[in-house]
N, C-alpha and C. Protein backbone atom coordinates (compact mmCIF):
# COMPACT_ATOMS: atom_id res chain seq x y z
N MET A 1 0.84 -1.19 0.00
CA MET A 1 0.00 0.00 0.00
C MET A 1 0.88 1.24 0.00
N VAL A 2 0.57 2.16 -0.87
CA VAL A 2 1.36 3.38 -1.00
C VAL A 2 0.82 4.42 -0.04
N PHE A 3 1.72 4.97 0.75
CA PHE A 3 1.34 6.02 1.69
C PHE A 3 1.55 7.37 1.00
N LEU A 4 0.47 8.11 0.82
CA LEU A 4 0.57 9.43 0.17
C LEU A 4 0.61 10.51 1.24
N ASN A 5 1.70 11.24 1.23
CA ASN A 5 1.77 12.37 2.15
C ASN A 5 1.20 13.61 1.48
N LYS A 6 1.11 14.67 2.24
CA LYS A 6 0.49 15.89 1.73
C LYS A 6 1.29 16.46 0.56
N LYS A 7 2.61 16.43 0.63
CA LYS A 7 3.43 16.97 -0.45
C LYS A 7 3.30 16.14 -1.72
N GLY A 8 3.16 14.83 -1.58
CA GLY A 8 2.98 13.96 -2.73
C GLY A 8 1.68 14.25 -3.45
N ILE A 9 0.64 14.51 -2.69
CA ILE A 9 -0.66 14.83 -3.28
C ILE A 9 -0.58 16.17 -4.00
N ILE A 10 0.07 17.16 -3.38
CA ILE A 10 0.22 18.48 -4.01
C ILE A 10 1.01 18.35 -5.30
N ARG A 11 2.10 17.56 -5.27
CA ARG A 11 2.93 17.37 -6.45
C ARG A 11 2.12 16.75 -7.59
N ASN A 12 1.36 15.71 -7.28
CA ASN A 12 0.56 15.05 -8.30
C ASN A 12 -0.53 15.95 -8.84
N VAL A 13 -1.14 16.74 -7.98
CA VAL A 13 -2.19 17.67 -8.42
C VAL A 13 -1.59 18.71 -9.36
N MET A 14 -0.39 19.22 -9.04
CA MET A 14 0.26 20.20 -9.91
C MET A 14 0.54 19.60 -11.29
N LEU A 15 1.01 18.36 -11.32
CA LEU A 15 1.30 17.72 -12.60
C LEU A 15 0.01 17.44 -13.39
N VAL A 16 -1.06 17.07 -12.71
CA VAL A 16 -2.33 16.82 -13.40
C VAL A 16 -2.89 18.12 -13.97
N ILE A 17 -2.84 19.20 -13.18
CA ILE A 17 -3.31 20.50 -13.67
C ILE A 17 -2.46 20.95 -14.86
N GLY A 18 -1.15 20.75 -14.77
CA GLY A 18 -0.28 21.09 -15.90
C GLY A 18 -0.63 20.27 -17.13
N GLY A 19 -0.95 19.00 -16.95
CA GLY A 19 -1.36 18.15 -18.07
C GLY A 19 -2.67 18.61 -18.69
N ILE A 20 -3.61 19.03 -17.86
CA ILE A 20 -4.89 19.55 -18.37
C ILE A 20 -4.65 20.82 -19.18
N PHE A 21 -3.80 21.72 -18.66
CA PHE A 21 -3.48 22.93 -19.41
C PHE A 21 -2.76 22.60 -20.71
N ALA A 22 -1.92 21.55 -20.70
CA ALA A 22 -1.24 21.13 -21.93
C ALA A 22 -2.25 20.66 -22.97
N LEU A 23 -3.27 19.92 -22.53
CA LEU A 23 -4.31 19.46 -23.45
C LEU A 23 -5.10 20.64 -24.02
N ILE A 24 -5.50 21.57 -23.15
CA ILE A 24 -6.23 22.75 -23.61
C ILE A 24 -5.36 23.57 -24.56
N PHE A 25 -4.06 23.71 -24.22
CA PHE A 25 -3.14 24.46 -25.06
C PHE A 25 -3.04 23.83 -26.45
N SER A 26 -2.96 22.49 -26.51
CA SER A 26 -2.83 21.86 -27.83
C SER A 26 -4.08 22.07 -28.68
N ILE A 27 -5.26 21.98 -28.06
CA ILE A 27 -6.50 22.20 -28.80
C ILE A 27 -6.57 23.64 -29.31
N LEU A 28 -6.24 24.60 -28.43
CA LEU A 28 -6.27 26.00 -28.85
C LEU A 28 -5.22 26.29 -29.93
N LEU A 29 -4.05 25.66 -29.81
CA LEU A 29 -3.00 25.89 -30.79
C LEU A 29 -3.39 25.35 -32.16
N ILE A 30 -4.03 24.19 -32.19
CA ILE A 30 -4.50 23.63 -33.47
C ILE A 30 -5.51 24.57 -34.11
N ASN A 31 -6.46 25.08 -33.31
CA ASN A 31 -7.45 26.02 -33.85
C ASN A 31 -6.79 27.30 -34.33
N ASP A 32 -5.81 27.79 -33.58
CA ASP A 32 -5.13 29.02 -33.97
C ASP A 32 -4.30 28.84 -35.24
N LEU A 33 -3.67 27.69 -35.39
CA LEU A 33 -2.88 27.46 -36.60
C LEU A 33 -3.77 27.34 -37.83
N GLU A 34 -4.98 26.81 -37.65
CA GLU A 34 -5.90 26.74 -38.78
C GLU A 34 -6.39 28.12 -39.19
N SER A 35 -6.58 29.02 -38.21
CA SER A 35 -7.05 30.37 -38.53
C SER A 35 -5.90 31.35 -38.74
N GLU A 36 -4.68 30.88 -38.56
CA GLU A 36 -3.45 31.66 -38.78
C GLU A 36 -3.35 32.89 -37.89
N THR A 37 -3.93 32.81 -36.69
CA THR A 37 -3.76 33.87 -35.68
C THR A 37 -3.51 33.20 -34.34
N ILE A 38 -2.80 33.89 -33.46
CA ILE A 38 -2.56 33.38 -32.11
C ILE A 38 -3.39 34.24 -31.15
N THR A 39 -4.26 33.61 -30.37
CA THR A 39 -5.11 34.35 -29.44
C THR A 39 -4.44 34.46 -28.08
N GLN A 40 -4.98 35.35 -27.27
CA GLN A 40 -4.43 35.53 -25.93
C GLN A 40 -4.68 34.31 -25.06
N TRP A 41 -5.74 33.55 -25.33
CA TRP A 41 -6.04 32.36 -24.54
C TRP A 41 -4.98 31.30 -24.74
N THR A 42 -4.47 31.19 -25.95
CA THR A 42 -3.42 30.21 -26.22
C THR A 42 -2.15 30.57 -25.46
N VAL A 43 -1.81 31.84 -25.46
CA VAL A 43 -0.62 32.30 -24.75
C VAL A 43 -0.77 32.11 -23.25
N MET A 44 -1.95 32.45 -22.72
CA MET A 44 -2.17 32.32 -21.27
C MET A 44 -2.13 30.86 -20.84
N THR A 45 -2.76 29.95 -21.61
CA THR A 45 -2.73 28.55 -21.22
C THR A 45 -1.32 27.98 -21.31
N SER A 46 -0.51 28.49 -22.25
CA SER A 46 0.87 28.00 -22.31
C SER A 46 1.65 28.45 -21.07
N TYR A 47 1.41 29.69 -20.62
CA TYR A 47 2.07 30.16 -19.40
C TYR A 47 1.68 29.31 -18.20
N PHE A 48 0.36 29.08 -18.03
CA PHE A 48 -0.11 28.28 -16.90
C PHE A 48 0.42 26.86 -16.97
N MET A 49 0.45 26.28 -18.18
CA MET A 49 0.96 24.92 -18.35
C MET A 49 2.42 24.85 -17.90
N ILE A 50 3.23 25.81 -18.34
CA ILE A 50 4.64 25.82 -17.99
C ILE A 50 4.83 25.99 -16.48
N ILE A 51 4.07 26.90 -15.87
CA ILE A 51 4.20 27.17 -14.44
C ILE A 51 3.85 25.91 -13.62
N PHE A 52 2.71 25.29 -13.91
CA PHE A 52 2.30 24.12 -13.14
C PHE A 52 3.23 22.94 -13.37
N MET A 53 3.71 22.76 -14.61
CA MET A 53 4.62 21.65 -14.88
C MET A 53 5.95 21.85 -14.15
N ILE A 54 6.47 23.08 -14.15
CA ILE A 54 7.74 23.36 -13.46
C ILE A 54 7.59 23.13 -11.96
N ILE A 55 6.48 23.59 -11.37
CA ILE A 55 6.26 23.38 -9.94
C ILE A 55 6.16 21.89 -9.64
N GLY A 56 5.41 21.15 -10.43
CA GLY A 56 5.25 19.71 -10.20
C GLY A 56 6.56 18.96 -10.36
N ILE A 57 7.33 19.31 -11.39
CA ILE A 57 8.63 18.63 -11.60
C ILE A 57 9.62 19.00 -10.51
N ALA A 58 9.62 20.27 -10.10
CA ALA A 58 10.53 20.69 -9.03
C ALA A 58 10.18 19.97 -7.72
N LEU A 59 8.90 19.83 -7.43
CA LEU A 59 8.51 19.09 -6.22
C LEU A 59 8.88 17.63 -6.32
N ARG A 60 8.77 17.05 -7.50
CA ARG A 60 9.13 15.63 -7.68
C ARG A 60 10.63 15.44 -7.49
N ILE A 61 11.45 16.36 -8.02
CA ILE A 61 12.91 16.24 -7.89
C ILE A 61 13.35 16.43 -6.45
N THR A 62 12.79 17.43 -5.77
CA THR A 62 13.24 17.74 -4.42
C THR A 62 12.73 16.76 -3.39
N GLN A 63 11.71 15.96 -3.70
CA GLN A 63 11.15 15.06 -2.69
C GLN A 63 11.63 13.63 -2.84
N LYS A 64 12.64 13.38 -3.64
CA LYS A 64 13.15 12.00 -3.76
C LYS A 64 14.18 11.72 -2.71
């Protein structure tokens, strides 16, 4: 049985949120490339994706 501590749960939640933003970013990017314009939503989701992924990866590295 795996014991999940509070930091492990936070780390996993950060990575899941980053993954969700990555999915939204890819959908928005495909739509933007078809219309040949980049919207502010695509840029914002890329920022959030990067932030959450960096936090999740940093927590994973520091907690080993």
